C-alpha atoms as a PDB file:
ATOM      1  CA  MET A   1      14.531   2.996 -28.528  1.00  0.00           C
ATOM      2  CA  LEU A   2      11.976   1.223 -26.036  1.00  0.00           C
ATOM      3  CA  PRO A   3      11.543  -2.801 -26.468  1.00  0.00           C
ATOM      4  CA  PHE A   4       8.491  -3.717 -28.033  1.00  0.00           C
ATOM      5  CA  ALA A   5       7.202  -5.451 -25.075  1.00  0.00           C
ATOM      6  CA  PHE A   6       7.004  -2.598 -22.694  1.00  0.00           C
ATOM      7  CA  LEU A   7       5.095  -0.819 -25.849  1.00  0.00           C
ATOM      8  CA  LEU A   8       2.742  -3.473 -25.417  1.00  0.00           C
ATOM      9  CA  LEU A   9       2.344  -2.837 -21.575  1.00  0.00           C
ATOM     10  CA  THR A  10       2.389   0.869 -21.337  1.00  0.00           C
ATOM     11  CA  PRO A  11      -1.003   2.370 -21.789  1.00  0.00           C
ATOM     12  CA  PRO A  12      -0.948   5.817 -23.591  1.00  0.00           C
ATOM     13  CA  ALA A  13       0.911   9.180 -21.554  1.00  0.00           C
ATOM     14  CA  ASN A  14      -2.481  10.660 -22.205  1.00  0.00           C
ATOM     15  CA  ASP A  15      -5.108   8.173 -20.985  1.00  0.00           C
ATOM     16  CA  SER A  16      -6.546   8.842 -17.469  1.00  0.00           C
ATOM     17  CA  VAL A  17      -7.965   6.830 -14.577  1.00  0.00           C
ATOM     18  CA  LEU A  18     -10.300   7.072 -11.808  1.00  0.00           C
ATOM     19  CA  LEU A  19      -8.409   5.101  -8.462  1.00  0.00           C
ATOM     20  CA  ARG A  20     -10.994   4.635  -6.214  1.00  0.00           C
ATOM     21  CA  ILE A  21     -11.256   1.553  -3.527  1.00  0.00           C
ATOM     22  CA  ASN A  22     -13.561  -1.402  -5.397  1.00  0.00           C
ATOM     23  CA  VAL A  23     -13.361  -4.382  -2.897  1.00  0.00           C
ATOM     24  CA  LYS A  24     -16.497  -6.201  -1.338  1.00  0.00           C
ATOM     25  CA  PRO A  25     -16.852  -7.747   1.934  1.00  0.00           C
ATOM     26  CA  GLY A  26     -14.673 -11.378   2.161  1.00  0.00           C
ATOM     27  CA  ASP A  27     -11.734 -10.307  -0.684  1.00  0.00           C
ATOM     28  CA  ALA A  28      -8.228 -10.901   1.388  1.00  0.00           C
ATOM     29  CA  PHE A  29      -5.060  -8.989   0.474  1.00  0.00           C
ATOM     30  CA  GLU A  30      -1.567 -10.226   2.067  1.00  0.00           C
ATOM     31  CA  TYR A  31       1.253  -8.703   2.291  1.00  0.00           C
ATOM     32  CA  ARG A  32       5.193  -9.352   3.028  1.00  0.00           C
ATOM     33  CA  ILE A  33       6.463  -6.521   5.081  1.00  0.00           C
ATOM     34  CA  THR A  34      10.744  -6.401   4.997  1.00  0.00           C
ATOM     35  CA  VAL A  35      12.803  -3.922   6.652  1.00  0.00           C
ATOM     36  CA  ARG A  36      16.806  -3.927   5.826  1.00  0.00           C
ATOM     37  CA  PRO A  37      18.406  -2.036   8.657  1.00  0.00           C
ATOM     38  CA  PRO A  38      22.219  -1.291   7.570  1.00  0.00           C
ATOM     39  CA  GLU A  39      23.636  -3.078  10.009  1.00  0.00           C
ATOM     40  CA  ASN A  40      21.526  -5.665  11.398  1.00  0.00           C
ATOM     41  CA  PRO A  41      19.312  -8.749   9.519  1.00  0.00           C
ATOM     42  CA  THR A  42      16.791  -8.166   7.162  1.00  0.00           C
ATOM     43  CA  ALA A  43      13.444  -8.819   8.887  1.00  0.00           C
ATOM     44  CA  TYR A  44      10.475 -10.124   7.852  1.00  0.00           C
ATOM     45  CA  SER A  45       6.818 -10.314   8.413  1.00  0.00           C
ATOM     46  CA  GLN A  46       3.655 -11.131   6.831  1.00  0.00           C
ATOM     47  CA  ILE A  47      -0.007  -9.390   7.229  1.00  0.00           C
ATOM     48  CA  ARG A  48      -3.246 -10.134   6.121  1.00  0.00           C
ATOM     49  CA  MET A  49      -6.206  -7.465   5.475  1.00  0.00           C
ATOM     50  CA  THR A  50      -9.806  -8.706   4.565  1.00  0.00           C
ATOM     51  CA  CYS A  51     -12.817  -6.474   4.169  1.00  0.00           C
ATOM     52  CA  LYS A  52     -15.247  -6.922   6.334  1.00  0.00           C
ATOM     53  CA  SER A  53     -17.929  -4.581   5.146  1.00  0.00           C
ATOM     54  CA  ALA A  54     -18.415  -1.932   2.375  1.00  0.00           C
ATOM     55  CA  ALA A  55     -21.134   0.164   2.068  1.00  0.00           C
ATOM     56  CA  HIS A  56     -21.893   4.070   1.685  1.00  0.00           C
ATOM     57  CA  GLY A  57     -18.355   4.768   0.063  1.00  0.00           C
ATOM     58  CA  MET A  58     -17.015   2.988   3.485  1.00  0.00           C
ATOM     59  CA  PHE A  59     -14.498  -0.162   4.170  1.00  0.00           C
ATOM     60  CA  ARG A  60     -14.198  -1.611   7.172  1.00  0.00           C
ATOM     61  CA  PHE A  61     -11.108  -4.436   7.299  1.00  0.00           C
ATOM     62  CA  VAL A  62      -9.869  -6.242   9.579  1.00  0.00           C
ATOM     63  CA  ALA A  63      -5.866  -7.020  10.247  1.00  0.00           C
ATOM     64  CA  LYS A  64      -4.422  -9.725  11.235  1.00  0.00           C
ATOM     65  CA  ALA A  65      -0.339 -10.012  11.527  1.00  0.00           C
ATOM     66  CA  SER A  66       0.973 -13.524  10.187  1.00  0.00           C
ATOM     67  CA  ASP A  67       3.461 -15.438  12.408  1.00  0.00           C
ATOM     68  CA  ALA A  68       7.283 -13.251  11.468  1.00  0.00           C
ATOM     69  CA  GLU A  69       9.717 -15.093   9.869  1.00  0.00           C
ATOM     70  CA  ASP A  70      12.300 -13.066  11.730  1.00  0.00           C
ATOM     71  CA  SER A  71      13.416 -14.787  14.702  1.00  0.00           C
ATOM     72  CA  ARG A  72      14.273 -11.361  16.586  1.00  0.00           C
ATOM     73  CA  GLU A  73      11.559 -10.781  19.012  1.00  0.00           C
ATOM     74  CA  GLU A  74      10.764  -6.999  18.804  1.00  0.00           C
ATOM     75  CA  ALA A  75       9.808  -7.462  14.851  1.00  0.00           C
ATOM     76  CA  ALA A  76       7.303 -10.526  16.254  1.00  0.00           C
ATOM     77  CA  GLN A  77       5.883  -8.250  18.864  1.00  0.00           C
ATOM     78  CA  SER A  78       5.129  -5.534  16.671  1.00  0.00           C
ATOM     79  CA  MET A  79       3.201  -7.125  14.346  1.00  0.00           C
ATOM     80  CA  SER A  80       1.461  -9.449  16.454  1.00  0.00           C
ATOM     81  CA  GLY A  81      -2.102  -8.786  17.130  1.00  0.00           C
ATOM     82  CA  SER A  82      -4.634  -7.577  14.837  1.00  0.00           C
ATOM     83  CA  ASP A  83      -6.748  -4.711  14.208  1.00  0.00           C
ATOM     84  CA  ALA A  84      -9.715  -3.296  12.746  1.00  0.00           C
ATOM     85  CA  LEU A  85      -9.499  -0.190  10.243  1.00  0.00           C
ATOM     86  CA  THR A  86     -12.130   1.618   7.955  1.00  0.00           C
ATOM     87  CA  LEU A  87     -10.949   3.363   4.881  1.00  0.00           C
ATOM     88  CA  ASP A  88     -12.909   5.490   2.859  1.00  0.00           C
ATOM     89  CA  ILE A  89     -13.295   5.482  -0.770  1.00  0.00           C
ATOM     90  CA  ARG A  90     -10.240   7.348  -1.873  1.00  0.00           C
ATOM     91  CA  GLY A  91      -8.283   5.433   1.230  1.00  0.00           C
ATOM     92  CA  HIS A  92      -8.552   8.061   4.323  1.00  0.00           C
ATOM     93  CA  LEU A  93      -8.127   6.249   7.166  1.00  0.00           C
ATOM     94  CA  VAL A  94     -11.359   7.050   9.017  1.00  0.00           C
ATOM     95  CA  GLN A  95     -11.058   4.892  12.185  1.00  0.00           C
ATOM     96  CA  LEU A  96      -8.148   2.591  13.434  1.00  0.00           C
ATOM     97  CA  LYS A  97      -8.564   0.268  16.100  1.00  0.00           C
ATOM     98  CA  GLY A  98      -5.380  -1.045  17.137  1.00  0.00           C
ATOM     99  CA  ALA A  99      -1.758  -0.572  17.462  1.00  0.00           C
ATOM    100  CA  HIS A 100      -0.046  -2.943  15.698  1.00  0.00           C
ATOM    101  CA  ILE A 101      -1.236  -1.376  11.694  1.00  0.00           C
ATOM    102  CA  LYS A 102       0.765   1.847  11.194  1.00  0.00           C
ATOM    103  CA  SER A 103      -0.383   4.676   8.918  1.00  0.00           C
ATOM    104  CA  GLY A 104       2.663   5.820   7.636  1.00  0.00           C
ATOM    105  CA  PHE A 105       2.518   3.214   4.319  1.00  0.00           C
ATOM    106  CA  GLY A 106      -1.085   4.328   3.675  1.00  0.00           C
ATOM    107  CA  ILE A 107      -2.269   6.490   0.178  1.00  0.00           C
ATOM    108  CA  VAL A 108      -4.711   8.820  -0.196  1.00  0.00           C
ATOM    109  CA  LEU A 109      -5.939   8.155  -4.151  1.00  0.00           C
ATOM    110  CA  PRO A 110      -6.755  11.492  -6.339  1.00  0.00           C
ATOM    111  CA  PRO A 111     -10.297  13.209  -5.789  1.00  0.00           C
ATOM    112  CA  ARG A 112     -10.749  13.247  -9.577  1.00  0.00           C
ATOM    113  CA  ARG A 113      -9.023  11.398 -12.761  1.00  0.00           C
ATOM    114  CA  VAL A 114      -5.507  11.787 -13.425  1.00  0.00           C
ATOM    115  CA  LYS A 115      -2.900  11.572 -15.882  1.00  0.00           C
ATOM    116  CA  VAL A 116       0.500  10.788 -15.589  1.00  0.00           C
ATOM    117  CA  GLY A 117       2.344  13.896 -14.075  1.00  0.00           C
ATOM    118  CA  SER A 118      -0.739  14.968 -12.562  1.00  0.00           C
ATOM    119  CA  THR A 119      -0.413  15.777  -8.416  1.00  0.00           C
ATOM    120  CA  TRP A 120      -2.432  16.069  -5.490  1.00  0.00           C
ATOM    121  CA  THR A 121      -2.171  17.065  -1.691  1.00  0.00           C
ATOM    122  CA  ASP A 122      -3.369  15.418   1.565  1.00  0.00           C
ATOM    123  CA  HIS A 123      -3.233  16.989   4.426  1.00  0.00           C
ATOM    124  CA  THR A 124      -2.425  15.072   7.870  1.00  0.00           C
ATOM    125  CA  PRO A 125      -1.107  15.865  11.058  1.00  0.00           C
ATOM    126  CA  GLY A 126       2.461  14.914  10.209  1.00  0.00           C
ATOM    127  CA  GLY A 127       2.023  17.698   7.418  1.00  0.00           C
ATOM    128  CA  VAL A 128       0.931  17.766   3.737  1.00  0.00           C
ATOM    129  CA  ASP A 129       1.589  14.914   1.414  1.00  0.00           C
ATOM    130  CA  HIS A 130       2.246  15.136  -1.673  1.00  0.00           C
ATOM    131  CA  TYR A 131       1.444  12.886  -4.442  1.00  0.00           C
ATOM    132  CA  ARG A 132       2.406  12.340  -8.183  1.00  0.00           C
ATOM    133  CA  LEU A 133       0.990   9.872 -10.608  1.00  0.00           C
ATOM    134  CA  VAL A 134       4.314   8.377 -12.439  1.00  0.00           C
ATOM    135  CA  GLN A 135       3.114   5.979 -14.599  1.00  0.00           C
ATOM    136  CA  LEU A 136       0.546   4.115 -15.795  1.00  0.00           C
ATOM    137  CA  ALA A 137       1.677   0.110 -16.618  1.00  0.00           C
ATOM    138  CA  THR A 138       1.251  -3.834 -16.296  1.00  0.00           C
ATOM    139  CA  PHE A 139       3.051  -4.650 -13.062  1.00  0.00           C
ATOM    140  CA  ARG A 140       3.256  -8.717 -12.270  1.00  0.00           C
ATOM    141  CA  GLY A 141      -0.127  -8.817 -14.610  1.00  0.00           C
ATOM    142  CA  VAL A 142      -1.224  -6.204 -12.420  1.00  0.00           C
ATOM    143  CA  GLN A 143      -3.254  -2.790 -13.964  1.00  0.00           C
ATOM    144  CA  ALA A 144      -0.808  -0.469 -12.006  1.00  0.00           C
ATOM    145  CA  ALA A 145      -0.525   3.220 -11.266  1.00  0.00           C
ATOM    146  CA  GLN A 146       2.942   3.860  -9.907  1.00  0.00           C
ATOM    147  CA  ILE A 147       2.669   6.546  -7.522  1.00  0.00           C
ATOM    148  CA  ALA A 148       4.942   9.145  -5.780  1.00  0.00           C
ATOM    149  CA  ARG A 149       4.351  10.357  -2.099  1.00  0.00           C
ATOM    150  CA  VAL A 150       5.909  12.876  -0.613  1.00  0.00           C
ATOM    151  CA  ASN A 151       6.475  14.773   2.943  1.00  0.00           C
ATOM    152  CA  HIS A 152       8.806  16.283   4.695  1.00  0.00           C
ATOM    153  CA  GLY A 153      11.514  15.619   1.369  1.00  0.00           C
ATOM    154  CA  SER A 154      11.123  11.827   2.058  1.00  0.00           C
ATOM    155  CA  GLU A 155       9.593   9.715  -1.008  1.00  0.00           C
ATOM    156  CA  ILE A 156       7.506   6.877  -0.790  1.00  0.00           C
ATOM    157  CA  ARG A 157       6.825   4.948  -3.980  1.00  0.00           C
ATOM    158  CA  ILE A 158       3.663   3.149  -4.195  1.00  0.00           C
ATOM    159  CA  TRP A 159       1.961   0.910  -6.707  1.00  0.00           C
ATOM    160  CA  VAL A 160      -1.416   0.206  -6.914  1.00  0.00           C
ATOM    161  CA  ASP A 161      -4.134  -1.933  -8.432  1.00  0.00           C
ATOM    162  CA  GLN A 162      -6.111   0.209 -10.594  1.00  0.00           C
ATOM    163  CA  LYS A 163      -8.965  -2.293 -10.322  1.00  0.00           C
ATOM    164  CA  THR A 164      -9.205  -2.514  -6.540  1.00  0.00           C
ATOM    165  CA  GLY A 165      -7.589   0.841  -5.737  1.00  0.00           C
ATOM    166  CA  MET A 166      -5.320  -1.253  -2.919  1.00  0.00           C
ATOM    167  CA  MET A 167      -1.502  -1.016  -2.959  1.00  0.00           C
ATOM    168  CA  PHE A 168       0.209  -4.480  -4.142  1.00  0.00           C
ATOM    169  CA  LYS A 169       3.832  -2.941  -3.270  1.00  0.00           C
ATOM    170  CA  VAL A 170       5.306  -0.165  -1.143  1.00  0.00           C
ATOM    171  CA  GLU A 171       9.275   0.648  -1.265  1.00  0.00           C
ATOM    172  CA  ALA A 172      10.814   3.476   0.822  1.00  0.00           C
ATOM    173  CA  ASP A 173      13.884   4.541   2.687  1.00  0.00           C
ATOM    174  CA  SER A 174      14.688   4.212   6.373  1.00  0.00           C
ATOM    175  CA  TYR A 175      16.657   5.475   9.004  1.00  0.00           C
ATOM    176  CA  PHE A 176      17.954   3.564  11.775  1.00  0.00           C
ATOM    177  CA  ALA A 177      19.773   5.542  14.383  1.00  0.00           C
ATOM    178  CA  GLY A 178      20.838   8.194  11.732  1.00  0.00           C
ATOM    179  CA  LYS A 179      21.652   5.259   8.755  1.00  0.00           C
ATOM    180  CA  LYS A 180      20.219   4.731   6.166  1.00  0.00           C
ATOM    181  CA  GLY A 181      17.957   1.830   5.434  1.00  0.00           C
ATOM    182  CA  SER A 182      14.804   0.470   3.691  1.00  0.00           C
ATOM    183  CA  VAL A 183      11.258  -0.832   3.761  1.00  0.00           C
ATOM    184  CA  SER A 184       9.237  -2.171   1.207  1.00  0.00           C
ATOM    185  CA  LEU A 185       5.822  -4.066   1.568  1.00  0.00           C
ATOM    186  CA  GLU A 186       4.278  -6.205  -1.364  1.00  0.00           C
ATOM    187  CA  ARG A 187       1.382  -8.285  -1.819  1.00  0.00           C
ATOM    188  CA  VAL A 188       2.038 -11.704  -1.608  1.00  0.00           C
ATOM    189  CA  TYR A 189       0.362 -13.787  -4.931  1.00  0.00           C
ATOM    190  CA  PRO A 190      -1.954 -15.814  -5.694  1.00  0.00           C
ATOM    191  CA  PRO A 191      -4.695 -13.744  -3.911  1.00  0.00           C
ATOM    192  CA  LEU A 192      -5.358 -15.653  -0.996  1.00  0.00           C
ATOM    193  CA  LYS A 193      -9.774 -17.014  -1.053  1.00  0.00           C
ATOM    194  CA  PRO A 194     -12.068 -14.771   0.900  1.00  0.00           C
ATOM    195  CA  ILE A 195     -11.820 -16.268   4.437  1.00  0.00           C
ATOM    196  CA  ASN A 196     -14.471 -16.282   6.844  1.00  0.00           C
ATOM    197  CA  LEU A 197     -13.956 -13.916   9.958  1.00  0.00           C
ATOM    198  CA  GLY A 198     -17.480 -14.560  11.728  1.00  0.00           C
END
C-alpha cells in the first residue's frame, strides 16, 4: 500500500501536461554539477543561467560558471568563463556562443500535451533521442515531470519544473577510461534573485 503522503503529492495517472519553456528576462537558475569518477575524488562546480531576453518563443540565456569547489585544475578550467545560448520554447538549442556549456544534459520537451507513459523523439547530430514521461509528482516543493532520455542505450534521468520548463535535476551514468561513474546536475535553492547583466 502506498504511503498517504505519496497519494497526496502524485497527480492522477491520466492527468496530462503541456511542458514549455516559460521564463522571463532576469529569471536566474543556478546549478550544482557533481562528477563522480570511479577512482578519483568527486569534483564539483556551479553554473548560473540568467534569461536575457524572451520573445517570439525564443529565450536567450547567459550562462556564467561559478568558481569550482574542486581544486583540480582541469575541473576548474572546464567550467570557467561564460556562454550565451538561445533555446526555443521546447528547449531546442538554437544557438550557442562559447565552448564551456555542453548540450549533453539538454532536454527537448514534447510537441504536445503528454501523460505518464507518453513517448516522443528528437533527431540530433548524435542520433535519435528517445524520451518518456515517467511520472508527475511534487519533488522538493516543485511540481515536477520526471523524464527519461535514451540515446544509444544510455539513459539520462531528468526532472523538469512544470511551471518553467527548466531542468532542476539530472542524473546520468558516465564512463571514465571504461569504468563506470556518474554525473549529476541539481538546481541550487532558494532561487537566485534577478541579476543585472547590463
